[in-house]
Amino acid sequence: MANITEDPGHGSSPAAWIAVAIMLVGVAIGTLFLFLNVLPMVYVGAVLLPIGLIIGFVLKKAGFGVNGSRLGSSH
């Protein structure tokens, strides 16, 4: 087994949590309204997926990612 001295992190950061939460809401909206056959709302849910990715990337660059400069503790 390899001895890894530096932990790469597991995505446990505000940026990751917010990105995943937005994308989860998008999937939930898309699934619900696909079941109800309301296609415009399915598209709204689908649009939330790339928005979640973009917001996660922006928050990471702003210092809220793993080992980010704006975090009070080291994740």
C-alpha atoms as a PDB file:
ATOM      1  CA  MET A   1       0.000   0.000   0.000  1.00  0.00           C
ATOM      2  CA  ALA A   2       1.362   3.390  -0.928  1.00  0.00           C
ATOM      3  CA  ASN A   3       2.175   5.903   1.779  1.00  0.00           C
ATOM      4  CA  ILE A   4       0.422   9.116   0.789  1.00  0.00           C
ATOM      5  CA  THR A   5       1.750  12.005   2.836  1.00  0.00           C
ATOM      6  CA  GLU A   6      -0.473  14.724   1.446  1.00  0.00           C
ATOM      7  CA  ASP A   7      -4.238  14.359   1.558  1.00  0.00           C
ATOM      8  CA  PRO A   8      -5.728  15.572  -1.738  1.00  0.00           C
ATOM      9  CA  GLY A   9      -9.025  16.414  -0.049  1.00  0.00           C
ATOM     10  CA  HIS A  10     -12.398  14.879  -0.627  1.00  0.00           C
ATOM     11  CA  GLY A  11     -14.343  17.856  -1.870  1.00  0.00           C
ATOM     12  CA  SER A  12     -15.626  18.715   1.577  1.00  0.00           C
ATOM     13  CA  SER A  13     -15.748  22.468   1.141  1.00  0.00           C
ATOM     14  CA  PRO A  14     -18.395  25.172   0.902  1.00  0.00           C
ATOM     15  CA  ALA A  15     -17.820  25.406  -2.859  1.00  0.00           C
ATOM     16  CA  ALA A  16     -18.422  21.692  -3.358  1.00  0.00           C
ATOM     17  CA  TRP A  17     -21.442  21.540  -1.055  1.00  0.00           C
ATOM     18  CA  ILE A  18     -23.159  24.499  -2.714  1.00  0.00           C
ATOM     19  CA  ALA A  19     -22.433  23.204  -6.227  1.00  0.00           C
ATOM     20  CA  VAL A  20     -23.799  19.752  -5.403  1.00  0.00           C
ATOM     21  CA  ALA A  21     -26.859  21.208  -3.647  1.00  0.00           C
ATOM     22  CA  ILE A  22     -27.759  23.341  -6.680  1.00  0.00           C
ATOM     23  CA  MET A  23     -27.306  20.393  -9.033  1.00  0.00           C
ATOM     24  CA  LEU A  24     -29.339  18.119  -6.742  1.00  0.00           C
ATOM     25  CA  VAL A  25     -32.199  20.623  -6.757  1.00  0.00           C
ATOM     26  CA  GLY A  26     -31.966  20.733 -10.560  1.00  0.00           C
ATOM     27  CA  VAL A  27     -32.194  16.947 -10.840  1.00  0.00           C
ATOM     28  CA  ALA A  28     -35.110  16.852  -8.381  1.00  0.00           C
ATOM     29  CA  ILE A  29     -37.000  19.555 -10.295  1.00  0.00           C
ATOM     30  CA  GLY A  30     -36.312  17.864 -13.620  1.00  0.00           C
ATOM     31  CA  THR A  31     -37.404  14.458 -12.346  1.00  0.00           C
ATOM     32  CA  LEU A  32     -40.569  15.723 -10.695  1.00  0.00           C
ATOM     33  CA  PHE A  33     -41.742  17.747 -13.663  1.00  0.00           C
ATOM     34  CA  LEU A  34     -40.800  15.036 -16.160  1.00  0.00           C
ATOM     35  CA  PHE A  35     -43.103  12.742 -14.206  1.00  0.00           C
ATOM     36  CA  LEU A  36     -45.806  15.447 -14.291  1.00  0.00           C
ATOM     37  CA  ASN A  37     -45.154  16.052 -18.026  1.00  0.00           C
ATOM     38  CA  VAL A  38     -44.388  19.788 -17.679  1.00  0.00           C
ATOM     39  CA  LEU A  39     -41.492  20.097 -20.116  1.00  0.00           C
ATOM     40  CA  PRO A  40     -40.596  23.780 -19.575  1.00  0.00           C
ATOM     41  CA  MET A  41     -39.836  23.043 -15.927  1.00  0.00           C
ATOM     42  CA  VAL A  42     -37.780  19.996 -16.937  1.00  0.00           C
ATOM     43  CA  TYR A  43     -35.597  22.388 -18.933  1.00  0.00           C
ATOM     44  CA  VAL A  44     -35.317  24.706 -15.915  1.00  0.00           C
ATOM     45  CA  GLY A  45     -34.047  21.756 -13.898  1.00  0.00           C
ATOM     46  CA  ALA A  46     -31.575  20.874 -16.654  1.00  0.00           C
ATOM     47  CA  VAL A  47     -30.269  24.451 -16.766  1.00  0.00           C
ATOM     48  CA  LEU A  48     -29.473  24.285 -13.047  1.00  0.00           C
ATOM     49  CA  LEU A  49     -26.848  21.581 -13.635  1.00  0.00           C
ATOM     50  CA  PRO A  50     -24.287  23.722 -15.491  1.00  0.00           C
ATOM     51  CA  ILE A  51     -25.178  26.676 -13.254  1.00  0.00           C
ATOM     52  CA  GLY A  52     -24.199  24.573 -10.233  1.00  0.00           C
ATOM     53  CA  LEU A  53     -20.896  23.674 -11.882  1.00  0.00           C
ATOM     54  CA  ILE A  54     -20.149  27.303 -12.707  1.00  0.00           C
ATOM     55  CA  ILE A  55     -21.001  28.513  -9.206  1.00  0.00           C
ATOM     56  CA  GLY A  56     -18.819  25.785  -7.691  1.00  0.00           C
ATOM     57  CA  PHE A  57     -15.906  26.788  -9.923  1.00  0.00           C
ATOM     58  CA  VAL A  58     -16.337  30.483  -9.087  1.00  0.00           C
ATOM     59  CA  LEU A  59     -16.481  29.755  -5.350  1.00  0.00           C
ATOM     60  CA  LYS A  60     -13.366  27.594  -5.611  1.00  0.00           C
ATOM     61  CA  LYS A  61     -11.496  30.405  -7.354  1.00  0.00           C
ATOM     62  CA  ALA A  62     -12.769  32.832  -4.685  1.00  0.00           C
ATOM     63  CA  GLY A  63     -11.064  30.740  -1.993  1.00  0.00           C
ATOM     64  CA  PHE A  64     -13.911  28.569  -0.746  1.00  0.00           C
ATOM     65  CA  GLY A  65     -12.581  25.287  -2.161  1.00  0.00           C
ATOM     66  CA  VAL A  66     -10.580  22.600  -0.363  1.00  0.00           C
ATOM     67  CA  ASN A  67      -7.740  24.319   1.546  1.00  0.00           C
ATOM     68  CA  GLY A  68      -9.047  27.662   0.276  1.00  0.00           C
ATOM     69  CA  SER A  69      -7.715  30.951   1.536  1.00  0.00           C
ATOM     70  CA  ARG A  70     -11.112  32.096   2.854  1.00  0.00           C
ATOM     71  CA  LEU A  71     -11.743  29.071   5.036  1.00  0.00           C
ATOM     72  CA  GLY A  72     -11.128  29.448   8.741  1.00  0.00           C
ATOM     73  CA  SER A  73     -10.038  25.833   9.162  1.00  0.00           C
ATOM     74  CA  SER A  74      -8.042  23.494   7.000  1.00  0.00           C
ATOM     75  CA  HIS A  75     -10.319  20.960   5.293  1.00  0.00           C
END
